[in-house]
Amino acid sequence: MSEKDLEIRFAEAYEIASNMTEALPQDVMLRIYAYYKQATQGNAMHANYSGHDLRDAFKINAWMQISHLTSAEAKELYIETIQSLIKK
C-alpha cells in the first residue's frame, strides 16, 4: 500500500473518530490519542508536560509507551482501532 493510500485512510479514520458520539472507555481513548500523536508528531520526548494535570500525565504516558512505533505503524494501528470501534 502506498504512503498516499495510508494518508487517505488515516484522514478518513480521523474524521470518523472526530464524529463519534458514544463514550469510549478511558483506555481506548488513551490508545487512540497515543496512536494519533505518534503518527502525527513522532516520539513523546518533545511533549510539553507541566506536571500539574493528571489527565495530561496519563496521555503522555500512553504516548511514551508506543514511542517505538514508526509513524506509519501508528497510523495503521489508529485506523485498525477506529475500524474495530465502528464494527461494534
PDB file of N, CA and C in Angstrom:
ATOM      1  N   MET A   1       0.844  -1.178   0.000  1.00  0.00           N
ATOM      2  CA  MET A   1       0.000   0.000   0.000  1.00  0.00           C
ATOM      3  C   MET A   1       0.890   1.241   0.000  1.00  0.00           C
ATOM      4  N   SER A   2       0.516   2.220  -0.773  1.00  0.00           N
ATOM      5  CA  SER A   2       1.336   3.423  -0.891  1.00  0.00           C
ATOM      6  C   SER A   2       1.133   4.351   0.305  1.00  0.00           C
ATOM      7  N   GLU A   3       2.091   5.249   0.454  1.00  0.00           N
ATOM      8  CA  GLU A   3       2.010   6.229   1.538  1.00  0.00           C
ATOM      9  C   GLU A   3       0.785   7.123   1.367  1.00  0.00           C
ATOM     10  N   LYS A   4       0.460   7.433   0.127  1.00  0.00           N
ATOM     11  CA  LYS A   4      -0.721   8.270  -0.148  1.00  0.00           C
ATOM     12  C   LYS A   4      -1.998   7.555   0.299  1.00  0.00           C
ATOM     13  N   ASP A   5      -2.091   6.251   0.008  1.00  0.00           N
ATOM     14  CA  ASP A   5      -3.256   5.470   0.434  1.00  0.00           C
ATOM     15  C   ASP A   5      -3.375   5.455   1.954  1.00  0.00           C
ATOM     16  N   LEU A   6      -2.234   5.297   2.614  1.00  0.00           N
ATOM     17  CA  LEU A   6      -2.231   5.295   4.078  1.00  0.00           C
ATOM     18  C   LEU A   6      -2.712   6.635   4.615  1.00  0.00           C
ATOM     19  N   GLU A   7      -2.252   7.720   4.009  1.00  0.00           N
ATOM     20  CA  GLU A   7      -2.666   9.061   4.441  1.00  0.00           C
ATOM     21  C   GLU A   7      -4.167   9.257   4.267  1.00  0.00           C
ATOM     22  N   ILE A   8      -4.708   8.767   3.173  1.00  0.00           N
ATOM     23  CA  ILE A   8      -6.151   8.893   2.921  1.00  0.00           C
ATOM     24  C   ILE A   8      -6.937   8.093   3.954  1.00  0.00           C
ATOM     25  N   ARG A   9      -6.515   6.851   4.192  1.00  0.00           N
ATOM     26  CA  ARG A   9      -7.201   6.009   5.180  1.00  0.00           C
ATOM     27  C   ARG A   9      -7.094   6.601   6.585  1.00  0.00           C
ATOM     28  N   PHE A  10      -5.941   7.184   6.902  1.00  0.00           N
ATOM     29  CA  PHE A  10      -5.737   7.812   8.207  1.00  0.00           C
ATOM     30  C   PHE A  10      -6.665   9.022   8.366  1.00  0.00           C
ATOM     31  N   ALA A  11      -6.743   9.841   7.338  1.00  0.00           N
ATOM     32  CA  ALA A  11      -7.620  11.022   7.373  1.00  0.00           C
ATOM     33  C   ALA A  11      -9.084  10.597   7.517  1.00  0.00           C
ATOM     34  N   GLU A  12      -9.471   9.540   6.821  1.00  0.00           N
ATOM     35  CA  GLU A  12     -10.846   9.038   6.943  1.00  0.00           C
ATOM     36  C   GLU A  12     -11.129   8.527   8.349  1.00  0.00           C
ATOM     37  N   ALA A  13     -10.169   7.805   8.919  1.00  0.00           N
ATOM     38  CA  ALA A  13     -10.337   7.295  10.289  1.00  0.00           C
ATOM     39  C   ALA A  13     -10.415   8.451  11.278  1.00  0.00           C
ATOM     40  N   TYR A  14      -9.600   9.481  11.064  1.00  0.00           N
ATOM     41  CA  TYR A  14      -9.638  10.655  11.940  1.00  0.00           C
ATOM     42  C   TYR A  14     -11.009  11.326  11.869  1.00  0.00           C
ATOM     43  N   GLU A  15     -11.548  11.431  10.687  1.00  0.00           N
ATOM     44  CA  GLU A  15     -12.879  12.038  10.505  1.00  0.00           C
ATOM     45  C   GLU A  15     -13.943  11.228  11.249  1.00  0.00           C
ATOM     46  N   ILE A  16     -13.880   9.915  11.126  1.00  0.00           N
ATOM     47  CA  ILE A  16     -14.825   9.048  11.833  1.00  0.00           C
ATOM     48  C   ILE A  16     -14.687   9.241  13.342  1.00  0.00           C
ATOM     49  N   ALA A  17     -13.443   9.224  13.817  1.00  0.00           N
ATOM     50  CA  ALA A  17     -13.194   9.372  15.262  1.00  0.00           C
ATOM     51  C   ALA A  17     -13.690  10.725  15.763  1.00  0.00           C
ATOM     52  N   SER A  18     -13.490  11.759  14.975  1.00  0.00           N
ATOM     53  CA  SER A  18     -13.908  13.109  15.368  1.00  0.00           C
ATOM     54  C   SER A  18     -15.415  13.240  15.492  1.00  0.00           C
ATOM     55  N   ASN A  19     -16.148  12.412  14.766  1.00  0.00           N
ATOM     56  CA  ASN A  19     -17.604  12.494  14.775  1.00  0.00           C
ATOM     57  C   ASN A  19     -18.278  11.451  15.657  1.00  0.00           C
ATOM     58  N   MET A  20     -17.489  10.663  16.380  1.00  0.00           N
ATOM     59  CA  MET A  20     -18.075   9.658  17.275  1.00  0.00           C
ATOM     60  C   MET A  20     -18.759  10.365  18.449  1.00  0.00           C
ATOM     61  N   THR A  21     -19.917   9.852  18.782  1.00  0.00           N
ATOM     62  CA  THR A  21     -20.666  10.459  19.886  1.00  0.00           C
ATOM     63  C   THR A  21     -20.740   9.558  21.110  1.00  0.00           C
ATOM     64  N   GLU A  22     -20.489   8.276  20.936  1.00  0.00           N
ATOM     65  CA  GLU A  22     -20.574   7.371  22.078  1.00  0.00           C
ATOM     66  C   GLU A  22     -19.340   7.512  22.968  1.00  0.00           C
ATOM     67  N   ALA A  23     -19.567   7.370  24.255  1.00  0.00           N
ATOM     68  CA  ALA A  23     -18.460   7.433  25.208  1.00  0.00           C
ATOM     69  C   ALA A  23     -17.626   6.160  25.089  1.00  0.00           C
ATOM     70  N   LEU A  24     -16.325   6.334  25.060  1.00  0.00           N
ATOM     71  CA  LEU A  24     -15.415   5.199  24.958  1.00  0.00           C
ATOM     72  C   LEU A  24     -14.719   4.978  26.294  1.00  0.00           C
ATOM     73  N   PRO A  25     -14.311   3.761  26.567  1.00  0.00           N
ATOM     74  CA  PRO A  25     -13.540   3.511  27.783  1.00  0.00           C
ATOM     75  C   PRO A  25     -12.247   4.334  27.769  1.00  0.00           C
ATOM     76  N   GLN A  26     -11.809   4.732  28.932  1.00  0.00           N
ATOM     77  CA  GLN A  26     -10.619   5.579  29.041  1.00  0.00           C
ATOM     78  C   GLN A  26      -9.386   4.951  28.394  1.00  0.00           C
ATOM     79  N   ASP A  27      -9.202   3.641  28.563  1.00  0.00           N
ATOM     80  CA  ASP A  27      -8.014   3.008  27.984  1.00  0.00           C
ATOM     81  C   ASP A  27      -8.043   3.064  26.458  1.00  0.00           C
ATOM     82  N   VAL A  28      -9.218   2.956  25.873  1.00  0.00           N
ATOM     83  CA  VAL A  28      -9.348   3.040  24.415  1.00  0.00           C
ATOM     84  C   VAL A  28      -9.067   4.469  23.955  1.00  0.00           C
ATOM     85  N   MET A  29      -9.592   5.432  24.666  1.00  0.00           N
ATOM     86  CA  MET A  29      -9.350   6.832  24.324  1.00  0.00           C
ATOM     87  C   MET A  29      -7.864   7.166  24.401  1.00  0.00           C
ATOM     88  N   LEU A  30      -7.186   6.650  25.426  1.00  0.00           N
ATOM     89  CA  LEU A  30      -5.754   6.893  25.570  1.00  0.00           C
ATOM     90  C   LEU A  30      -4.972   6.242  24.428  1.00  0.00           C
ATOM     91  N   ARG A  31      -5.372   5.046  24.038  1.00  0.00           N
ATOM     92  CA  ARG A  31      -4.705   4.354  22.940  1.00  0.00           C
ATOM     93  C   ARG A  31      -4.877   5.137  21.634  1.00  0.00           C
ATOM     94  N   ILE A  32      -6.096   5.602  21.370  1.00  0.00           N
ATOM     95  CA  ILE A  32      -6.362   6.389  20.166  1.00  0.00           C
ATOM     96  C   ILE A  32      -5.525   7.667  20.174  1.00  0.00           C
ATOM     97  N   TYR A  33      -5.499   8.324  21.316  1.00  0.00           N
ATOM     98  CA  TYR A  33      -4.703   9.548  21.460  1.00  0.00           C
ATOM     99  C   TYR A  33      -3.227   9.272  21.164  1.00  0.00           C
ATOM    100  N   ALA A  34      -2.698   8.225  21.782  1.00  0.00           N
ATOM    101  CA  ALA A  34      -1.281   7.904  21.629  1.00  0.00           C
ATOM    102  C   ALA A  34      -0.941   7.580  20.175  1.00  0.00           C
ATOM    103  N   TYR A  35      -1.762   6.763  19.530  1.00  0.00           N
ATOM    104  CA  TYR A  35      -1.510   6.428  18.131  1.00  0.00           C
ATOM    105  C   TYR A  35      -1.533   7.683  17.259  1.00  0.00           C
ATOM    106  N   TYR A  36      -2.506   8.551  17.510  1.00  0.00           N
ATOM    107  CA  TYR A  36      -2.610   9.772  16.716  1.00  0.00           C
ATOM    108  C   TYR A  36      -1.379  10.648  16.899  1.00  0.00           C
ATOM    109  N   LYS A  37      -0.981  10.843  18.142  1.00  0.00           N
ATOM    110  CA  LYS A  37       0.176  11.696  18.425  1.00  0.00           C
ATOM    111  C   LYS A  37       1.454  11.110  17.821  1.00  0.00           C
ATOM    112  N   GLN A  38       1.650   9.799  17.955  1.00  0.00           N
ATOM    113  CA  GLN A  38       2.837   9.163  17.399  1.00  0.00           C
ATOM    114  C   GLN A  38       2.826   9.270  15.873  1.00  0.00           C
ATOM    115  N   ALA A  39       1.656   9.128  15.294  1.00  0.00           N
ATOM    116  CA  ALA A  39       1.522   9.193  13.839  1.00  0.00           C
ATOM    117  C   ALA A  39       1.791  10.596  13.308  1.00  0.00           C
ATOM    118  N   THR A  40       1.387  11.606  14.048  1.00  0.00           N
ATOM    119  CA  THR A  40       1.474  12.973  13.533  1.00  0.00           C
ATOM    120  C   THR A  40       2.651  13.775  14.072  1.00  0.00           C
ATOM    121  N   GLN A  41       3.162  13.416  15.254  1.00  0.00           N
ATOM    122  CA  GLN A  41       4.226  14.220  15.858  1.00  0.00           C
ATOM    123  C   GLN A  41       5.484  13.443  16.209  1.00  0.00           C
ATOM    124  N   GLY A  42       5.446  12.142  16.115  1.00  0.00           N
ATOM    125  CA  GLY A  42       6.620  11.355  16.467  1.00  0.00           C
ATOM    126  C   GLY A  42       6.691  11.095  17.963  1.00  0.00           C
ATOM    127  N   ASN A  43       7.869  10.825  18.450  1.00  0.00           N
ATOM    128  CA  ASN A  43       8.045  10.425  19.849  1.00  0.00           C
ATOM    129  C   ASN A  43       7.619  11.490  20.843  1.00  0.00           C
ATOM    130  N   ALA A  44       7.160  11.036  21.986  1.00  0.00           N
ATOM    131  CA  ALA A  44       6.647  11.916  23.032  1.00  0.00           C
ATOM    132  C   ALA A  44       7.744  12.687  23.749  1.00  0.00           C
ATOM    133  N   MET A  45       8.968  12.441  23.424  1.00  0.00           N
ATOM    134  CA  MET A  45      10.065  13.129  24.105  1.00  0.00           C
ATOM    135  C   MET A  45       9.972  14.648  23.961  1.00  0.00           C
ATOM    136  N   HIS A  46       9.248  15.105  22.951  1.00  0.00           N
ATOM    137  CA  HIS A  46       9.124  16.538  22.688  1.00  0.00           C
ATOM    138  C   HIS A  46       7.862  17.137  23.300  1.00  0.00           C
ATOM    139  N   ALA A  47       7.091  16.335  23.997  1.00  0.00           N
ATOM    140  CA  ALA A  47       5.816  16.806  24.551  1.00  0.00           C
ATOM    141  C   ALA A  47       6.048  17.739  25.732  1.00  0.00           C
ATOM    142  N   ASN A  48       5.200  18.735  25.813  1.00  0.00           N
ATOM    143  CA  ASN A  48       5.251  19.650  26.953  1.00  0.00           C
ATOM    144  C   ASN A  48       4.322  19.143  28.038  1.00  0.00           C
ATOM    145  N   TYR A  49       4.883  18.886  29.184  1.00  0.00           N
ATOM    146  CA  TYR A  49       4.088  18.433  30.323  1.00  0.00           C
ATOM    147  C   TYR A  49       4.540  19.207  31.543  1.00  0.00           C
ATOM    148  N   SER A  50       3.608  19.931  32.131  1.00  0.00           N
ATOM    149  CA  SER A  50       3.953  20.775  33.272  1.00  0.00           C
ATOM    150  C   SER A  50       3.957  20.017  34.593  1.00  0.00           C
ATOM    151  N   GLY A  51       3.352  18.825  34.606  1.00  0.00           N
ATOM    152  CA  GLY A  51       3.339  18.035  35.833  1.00  0.00           C
ATOM    153  C   GLY A  51       2.188  18.363  36.770  1.00  0.00           C
ATOM    154  N   HIS A  52       1.277  19.208  36.339  1.00  0.00           N
ATOM    155  CA  HIS A  52       0.183  19.624  37.210  1.00  0.00           C
ATOM    156  C   HIS A  52      -1.149  18.961  36.906  1.00  0.00           C
ATOM    157  N   ASP A  53      -1.281  18.382  35.752  1.00  0.00           N
ATOM    158  CA  ASP A  53      -2.556  17.815  35.342  1.00  0.00           C
ATOM    159  C   ASP A  53      -2.425  16.288  35.197  1.00  0.00           C
ATOM    160  N   LEU A  54      -3.168  15.557  36.007  1.00  0.00           N
ATOM    161  CA  LEU A  54      -3.096  14.105  35.997  1.00  0.00           C
ATOM    162  C   LEU A  54      -3.541  13.526  34.657  1.00  0.00           C
ATOM    163  N   ARG A  55      -4.554  14.124  34.071  1.00  0.00           N
ATOM    164  CA  ARG A  55      -5.040  13.656  32.767  1.00  0.00           C
ATOM    165  C   ARG A  55      -3.938  13.743  31.713  1.00  0.00           C
ATOM    166  N   ASP A  56      -3.215  14.859  31.702  1.00  0.00           N
ATOM    167  CA  ASP A  56      -2.114  15.016  30.755  1.00  0.00           C
ATOM    168  C   ASP A  56      -1.009  13.993  31.014  1.00  0.00           C
ATOM    169  N   ALA A  57      -0.783  13.662  32.273  1.00  0.00           N
ATOM    170  CA  ALA A  57       0.238  12.664  32.615  1.00  0.00           C
ATOM    171  C   ALA A  57      -0.131  11.304  32.031  1.00  0.00           C
ATOM    172  N   PHE A  58      -1.380  10.924  32.113  1.00  0.00           N
ATOM    173  CA  PHE A  58      -1.833   9.651  31.531  1.00  0.00           C
ATOM    174  C   PHE A  58      -1.673   9.674  30.008  1.00  0.00           C
ATOM    175  N   LYS A  59      -1.997  10.802  29.389  1.00  0.00           N
ATOM    176  CA  LYS A  59      -1.884  10.913  27.942  1.00  0.00           C
ATOM    177  C   LYS A  59      -0.424  10.797  27.492  1.00  0.00           C
ATOM    178  N   ILE A  60       0.466  11.510  28.163  1.00  0.00           N
ATOM    179  CA  ILE A  60       1.887  11.456  27.824  1.00  0.00           C
ATOM    180  C   ILE A  60       2.429  10.047  28.053  1.00  0.00           C
ATOM    181  N   ASN A  61       2.008   9.407  29.139  1.00  0.00           N
ATOM    182  CA  ASN A  61       2.457   8.044  29.432  1.00  0.00           C
ATOM    183  C   ASN A  61       2.015   7.074  28.336  1.00  0.00           C
ATOM    184  N   ALA A  62       0.769   7.176  27.904  1.00  0.00           N
ATOM    185  CA  ALA A  62       0.260   6.307  26.836  1.00  0.00           C
ATOM    186  C   ALA A  62       1.065   6.520  25.562  1.00  0.00           C
ATOM    187  N   TRP A  63       1.379   7.756  25.274  1.00  0.00           N
ATOM    188  CA  TRP A  63       2.145   8.103  24.081  1.00  0.00           C
ATOM    189  C   TRP A  63       3.570   7.550  24.181  1.00  0.00           C
ATOM    190  N   MET A  64       4.187   7.699  25.330  1.00  0.00           N
ATOM    191  CA  MET A  64       5.555   7.208  25.519  1.00  0.00           C
ATOM    192  C   MET A  64       5.636   5.688  25.383  1.00  0.00           C
ATOM    193  N   GLN A  65       4.579   4.996  25.780  1.00  0.00           N
ATOM    194  CA  GLN A  65       4.580   3.539  25.714  1.00  0.00           C
ATOM    195  C   GLN A  65       4.626   3.009  24.285  1.00  0.00           C
ATOM    196  N   ILE A  66       4.229   3.814  23.323  1.00  0.00           N
ATOM    197  CA  ILE A  66       4.248   3.359  21.932  1.00  0.00           C
ATOM    198  C   ILE A  66       5.308   4.100  21.115  1.00  0.00           C
ATOM    199  N   SER A  67       6.253   4.721  21.774  1.00  0.00           N
ATOM    200  CA  SER A  67       7.265   5.518  21.075  1.00  0.00           C
ATOM    201  C   SER A  67       8.160   4.685  20.162  1.00  0.00           C
ATOM    202  N   HIS A  68       8.114   3.379  20.297  1.00  0.00           N
ATOM    203  CA  HIS A  68       8.905   2.505  19.421  1.00  0.00           C
ATOM    204  C   HIS A  68       8.283   2.339  18.035  1.00  0.00           C
ATOM    205  N   LEU A  69       7.040   2.774  17.861  1.00  0.00           N
ATOM    206  CA  LEU A  69       6.349   2.636  16.579  1.00  0.00           C
ATOM    207  C   LEU A  69       6.776   3.734  15.606  1.00  0.00           C
ATOM    208  N   THR A  70       6.833   3.381  14.341  1.00  0.00           N
ATOM    209  CA  THR A  70       7.036   4.404  13.313  1.00  0.00           C
ATOM    210  C   THR A  70       5.716   5.145  13.105  1.00  0.00           C
ATOM    211  N   SER A  71       5.792   6.240  12.399  1.00  0.00           N
ATOM    212  CA  SER A  71       4.581   6.995  12.080  1.00  0.00           C
ATOM    213  C   SER A  71       3.598   6.122  11.294  1.00  0.00           C
ATOM    214  N   ALA A  72       4.099   5.377  10.324  1.00  0.00           N
ATOM    215  CA  ALA A  72       3.236   4.515   9.503  1.00  0.00           C
ATOM    216  C   ALA A  72       2.585   3.420  10.349  1.00  0.00           C
ATOM    217  N   GLU A  73       3.351   2.818  11.262  1.00  0.00           N
ATOM    218  CA  GLU A  73       2.795   1.784  12.137  1.00  0.00           C
ATOM    219  C   GLU A  73       1.707   2.362  13.033  1.00  0.00           C
ATOM    220  N   ALA A  74       1.955   3.549  13.571  1.00  0.00           N
ATOM    221  CA  ALA A  74       0.958   4.194  14.427  1.00  0.00           C
ATOM    222  C   ALA A  74      -0.308   4.529  13.643  1.00  0.00           C
ATOM    223  N   LYS A  75      -0.144   4.959  12.413  1.00  0.00           N
ATOM    224  CA  LYS A  75      -1.315   5.256  11.574  1.00  0.00           C
ATOM    225  C   LYS A  75      -2.132   4.000  11.328  1.00  0.00           C
ATOM    226  N   GLU A  76      -1.454   2.896  11.005  1.00  0.00           N
ATOM    227  CA  GLU A  76      -2.160   1.631  10.773  1.00  0.00           C
ATOM    228  C   GLU A  76      -2.925   1.191  12.022  1.00  0.00           C
ATOM    229  N   LEU A  77      -2.299   1.297  13.188  1.00  0.00           N
ATOM    230  CA  LEU A  77      -2.961   0.892  14.435  1.00  0.00           C
ATOM    231  C   LEU A  77      -4.121   1.827  14.778  1.00  0.00           C
ATOM    232  N   TYR A  78      -3.960   3.106  14.483  1.00  0.00           N
ATOM    233  CA  TYR A  78      -5.045   4.069  14.681  1.00  0.00           C
ATOM    234  C   TYR A  78      -6.240   3.676  13.812  1.00  0.00           C
ATOM    235  N   ILE A  79      -5.971   3.412  12.539  1.00  0.00           N
ATOM    236  CA  ILE A  79      -7.029   3.022  11.601  1.00  0.00           C
ATOM    237  C   ILE A  79      -7.716   1.746  12.069  1.00  0.00           C
ATOM    238  N   GLU A  80      -6.925   0.743  12.438  1.00  0.00           N
ATOM    239  CA  GLU A  80      -7.489  -0.533  12.921  1.00  0.00           C
ATOM    240  C   GLU A  80      -8.355  -0.335  14.152  1.00  0.00           C
ATOM    241  N   THR A  81      -7.904   0.507  15.072  1.00  0.00           N
ATOM    242  CA  THR A  81      -8.670   0.750  16.300  1.00  0.00           C
ATOM    243  C   THR A  81     -10.003   1.410  15.984  1.00  0.00           C
ATOM    244  N   ILE A  82      -9.981   2.433  15.148  1.00  0.00           N
ATOM    245  CA  ILE A  82     -11.229   3.130  14.779  1.00  0.00           C
ATOM    246  C   ILE A  82     -12.158   2.176  14.040  1.00  0.00           C
ATOM    247  N   GLN A  83     -11.621   1.393  13.113  1.00  0.00           N
ATOM    248  CA  GLN A  83     -12.444   0.439  12.377  1.00  0.00           C
ATOM    249  C   GLN A  83     -13.085  -0.590  13.314  1.00  0.00           C
ATOM    250  N   SER A  84     -12.332  -1.040  14.305  1.00  0.00           N
ATOM    251  CA  SER A  84     -12.897  -2.022  15.244  1.00  0.00           C
ATOM    252  C   SER A  84     -14.019  -1.412  16.073  1.00  0.00           C
ATOM    253  N   LEU A  85     -13.944  -0.130  16.338  1.00  0.00           N
ATOM    254  CA  LEU A  85     -14.987   0.534  17.128  1.00  0.00           C
ATOM    255  C   LEU A  85     -16.274   0.720  16.334  1.00  0.00           C
ATOM    256  N   ILE A  86     -16.158   0.993  15.045  1.00  0.00           N
ATOM    257  CA  ILE A  86     -17.380   1.216  14.263  1.00  0.00           C
ATOM    258  C   ILE A  86     -18.048  -0.103  13.869  1.00  0.00           C
ATOM    259  N   LYS A  87     -17.332  -1.203  13.989  1.00  0.00           N
ATOM    260  CA  LYS A  87     -17.925  -2.504  13.669  1.00  0.00           C
ATOM    261  C   LYS A  87     -18.728  -3.078  14.837  1.00  0.00           C
ATOM    262  N   LYS A  88     -18.586  -2.473  16.001  1.00  0.00           N
ATOM    263  CA  LYS A  88     -19.305  -2.980  17.185  1.00  0.00           C
ATOM    264  C   LYS A  88     -20.755  -2.600  17.149  1.00  0.00           C
TER     265      LYS A  88
END
